């Protein structure tokens, strides 16, 4: 008995397959459509003036897996080869507070960009801690401009993936 199936020999399933795929497509868009602002969020993410940046990876925790936004409060860790950035987001109504820590520590410049709201810049202290107390809701990125002499990573710029606050 030969179990090999040649799709060229089976013409009866084409209409059924098309109908099943069309229904599956409809369900996906109905149950989990892409966010309405997806195109704008992508444009925001790639519209950095300084294109010589390194993108940090989001070290996803089990509690945040599968979510599109941060929600009320949460801590996220971002990493690149020689930098770790841990940030805690605290919701305060329509605004947010960001507390962050950088390793290696140093007086690095930290910029928080929010789509349609511009950016806020602060400086981490000598142990790598920084606070941005008043961040509006929206599509957000954190950019770290490493200070000269910071563990061999002088002049480097690191950017996080976008987060929806």
Protein backbone atom coordinates (compact mmCIF):
# COMPACT_ATOMS: atom_id res chain seq x y z
CA UNK A 1 0.00 0.00 0.00
CA UNK A 2 1.41 3.34 -1.05
CA UNK A 3 0.76 6.21 1.41
CA UNK A 4 2.41 8.88 -0.72
CA UNK A 5 -0.07 11.57 -1.72
CA UNK A 6 0.60 13.76 -4.69
CA UNK A 7 -1.38 17.00 -4.33
CA UNK A 8 -1.52 17.30 -8.11
CA UNK A 9 -3.73 14.21 -8.18
CA UNK A 10 -6.29 15.57 -5.68
CA UNK A 11 -8.51 18.29 -7.14
CA UNK A 12 -11.52 17.82 -4.86
CA UNK A 13 -10.05 19.57 -1.77
CA UNK A 14 -9.17 22.94 -3.31
CA UNK A 15 -12.52 24.65 -2.65
CA UNK A 16 -12.81 23.12 0.83
CA UNK A 17 -9.25 24.15 1.68
CA UNK A 18 -9.86 27.69 0.50
CA UNK A 19 -13.04 27.91 2.59
CA UNK A 20 -11.29 26.58 5.71
CA UNK A 21 -8.38 29.00 5.28
CA UNK A 22 -10.77 31.92 4.72
CA UNK A 23 -12.67 31.04 7.92
CA UNK A 24 -9.41 30.68 9.86
CA UNK A 25 -8.27 34.08 8.60
CA UNK A 26 -11.59 35.66 9.62
CA UNK A 27 -11.34 34.15 13.12
CA UNK A 28 -7.77 35.33 13.64
CA UNK A 29 -8.65 38.91 12.70
CA UNK A 30 -11.84 38.79 14.76
CA UNK A 31 -10.36 37.22 17.91
CA UNK A 32 -6.85 38.74 17.90
CA UNK A 33 -6.56 41.52 15.34
CA UNK A 34 -3.32 43.45 14.98
CA UNK A 35 -3.38 46.71 16.97
CA UNK A 36 -4.85 49.61 15.02
CA UNK A 37 -1.69 51.62 15.64
CA UNK A 38 0.72 48.91 14.48
CA UNK A 39 2.05 50.83 11.46
CA UNK A 40 2.62 54.00 13.51
CA UNK A 41 4.37 51.97 16.25
CA UNK A 42 6.72 50.40 13.71
CA UNK A 43 7.50 53.79 12.18
CA UNK A 44 8.18 55.19 15.67
CA UNK A 45 10.50 52.30 16.48
CA UNK A 46 12.70 52.82 13.44
CA UNK A 47 12.68 56.63 13.35
CA UNK A 48 15.80 57.13 15.44
CA UNK A 49 17.98 60.04 14.42
CA UNK A 50 21.16 58.10 15.23
CA UNK A 51 20.93 54.86 13.30
CA UNK A 52 24.15 53.56 14.86
CA UNK A 53 22.40 51.89 17.78
CA UNK A 54 22.31 48.43 19.27
CA UNK A 55 18.88 46.99 20.04
CA UNK A 56 18.54 45.37 23.45
CA UNK A 57 16.69 42.08 23.87
CA UNK A 58 13.66 41.88 26.13
CA UNK A 59 14.23 39.16 28.72
CA UNK A 60 10.60 38.12 29.06
CA UNK A 61 9.34 36.95 32.40
CA UNK A 62 6.62 34.31 32.57
CA UNK A 63 4.14 36.80 34.05
CA UNK A 64 4.46 39.13 31.02
CA UNK A 65 4.59 36.51 28.27
CA UNK A 66 2.00 37.14 25.58
CA UNK A 67 1.02 40.66 26.62
CA UNK A 68 1.21 43.64 24.27
CA UNK A 69 1.47 46.33 26.93
CA UNK A 70 3.00 46.62 30.35
CA UNK A 71 -0.23 47.15 32.31
CA UNK A 72 -0.40 48.62 35.83
CA UNK A 73 3.07 47.83 37.13
CA UNK A 74 5.88 45.61 35.99
CA UNK A 75 9.59 45.08 35.82
CA UNK A 76 11.32 44.28 32.55
CA UNK A 77 14.98 43.47 31.93
CA UNK A 78 16.65 44.33 28.62
CA UNK A 79 20.10 43.06 27.66
CA UNK A 80 22.78 43.41 25.05
CA UNK A 81 26.20 41.77 25.19
CA UNK A 82 27.73 44.28 27.59
CA UNK A 83 24.76 46.13 29.15
CA UNK A 84 21.79 45.16 31.29
CA UNK A 85 18.91 47.57 31.80
CA UNK A 86 16.23 46.75 34.35
CA UNK A 87 13.20 49.05 34.45
CA UNK A 88 10.16 49.16 36.68
CA UNK A 89 7.03 50.83 35.35
CA UNK A 90 4.48 52.20 37.81
CA UNK A 91 1.15 53.48 36.49
CA UNK A 92 -0.16 56.70 38.04
CA UNK A 93 -3.41 57.25 36.16
CA UNK A 94 -2.64 58.45 32.65
CA UNK A 95 1.05 58.92 33.50
CA UNK A 96 3.83 56.51 34.48
CA UNK A 97 6.95 56.52 36.60
CA UNK A 98 10.01 54.67 35.32
CA UNK A 99 12.68 53.54 37.78
CA UNK A 100 15.72 51.99 36.14
CA UNK A 101 19.10 50.42 36.85
CA UNK A 102 22.02 50.02 34.46
CA UNK A 103 24.88 47.51 34.64
CA UNK A 104 27.67 48.41 34.18
CA UNK A 105 26.85 51.31 36.47
CA UNK A 106 27.82 54.80 35.51
CA UNK A 107 26.55 58.27 34.78
CA UNK A 108 24.98 57.27 31.47
CA UNK A 109 22.43 59.45 29.68
CA UNK A 110 18.97 57.88 29.51
CA UNK A 111 16.32 59.11 27.09
CA UNK A 112 12.67 58.03 27.22
CA UNK A 113 10.82 58.54 23.91
CA UNK A 114 7.02 58.45 23.75
CA UNK A 115 5.25 58.62 20.40
CA UNK A 116 3.49 61.96 19.86
CA UNK A 117 4.96 63.31 23.13
CA UNK A 118 8.65 63.81 22.40
CA UNK A 119 11.35 62.65 24.77
CA UNK A 120 12.64 63.19 28.29
CA UNK A 121 16.33 62.91 29.13
CA UNK A 122 17.91 62.18 32.49
CA UNK A 123 21.26 60.96 33.77
CA UNK A 124 21.86 57.78 35.75
CA UNK A 125 23.78 58.26 38.99
CA UNK A 126 27.19 56.69 39.66
CA UNK A 127 25.56 53.37 40.66
CA UNK A 128 23.47 53.25 37.46
CA UNK A 129 20.09 54.23 38.93
CA UNK A 130 17.74 56.65 37.19
CA UNK A 131 14.15 57.86 37.56
CA UNK A 132 11.79 59.43 35.04
CA UNK A 133 8.81 60.45 37.19
CA UNK A 134 6.28 61.72 34.65
CA UNK A 135 5.98 59.67 31.45
CA UNK A 136 2.79 59.92 29.36
CA UNK A 137 1.00 56.80 28.16
CA UNK A 138 1.83 55.60 24.67
CA UNK A 139 4.34 53.74 22.58
CA UNK A 140 7.63 54.09 24.46
CA UNK A 141 11.33 53.36 23.91
CA UNK A 142 14.27 53.80 26.23
CA UNK A 143 17.60 54.87 24.76
CA UNK A 144 20.81 54.62 26.76
CA UNK A 145 23.82 56.68 25.65
CA UNK A 146 26.75 55.07 27.46
CA UNK A 147 29.29 57.41 29.00
CA UNK A 148 32.91 57.31 27.88
CA UNK A 149 35.03 54.79 29.74
CA UNK A 150 32.07 52.62 30.83
CA UNK A 151 33.58 49.14 30.87
CA UNK A 152 34.88 49.32 27.32
CA UNK A 153 31.56 50.43 25.82
CA UNK A 154 32.33 54.13 25.38
CA UNK A 155 30.09 56.14 23.10
CA UNK A 156 27.75 53.23 22.42
CA UNK A 157 23.98 53.79 22.15
CA UNK A 158 21.49 51.09 23.11
CA UNK A 159 17.75 51.20 22.40
CA UNK A 160 15.00 48.97 23.79
CA UNK A 161 12.18 47.47 21.77
CA UNK A 162 8.99 49.53 21.94
CA UNK A 163 6.63 49.11 24.89
CA UNK A 164 3.06 50.34 25.12
CA UNK A 165 2.49 52.07 28.45
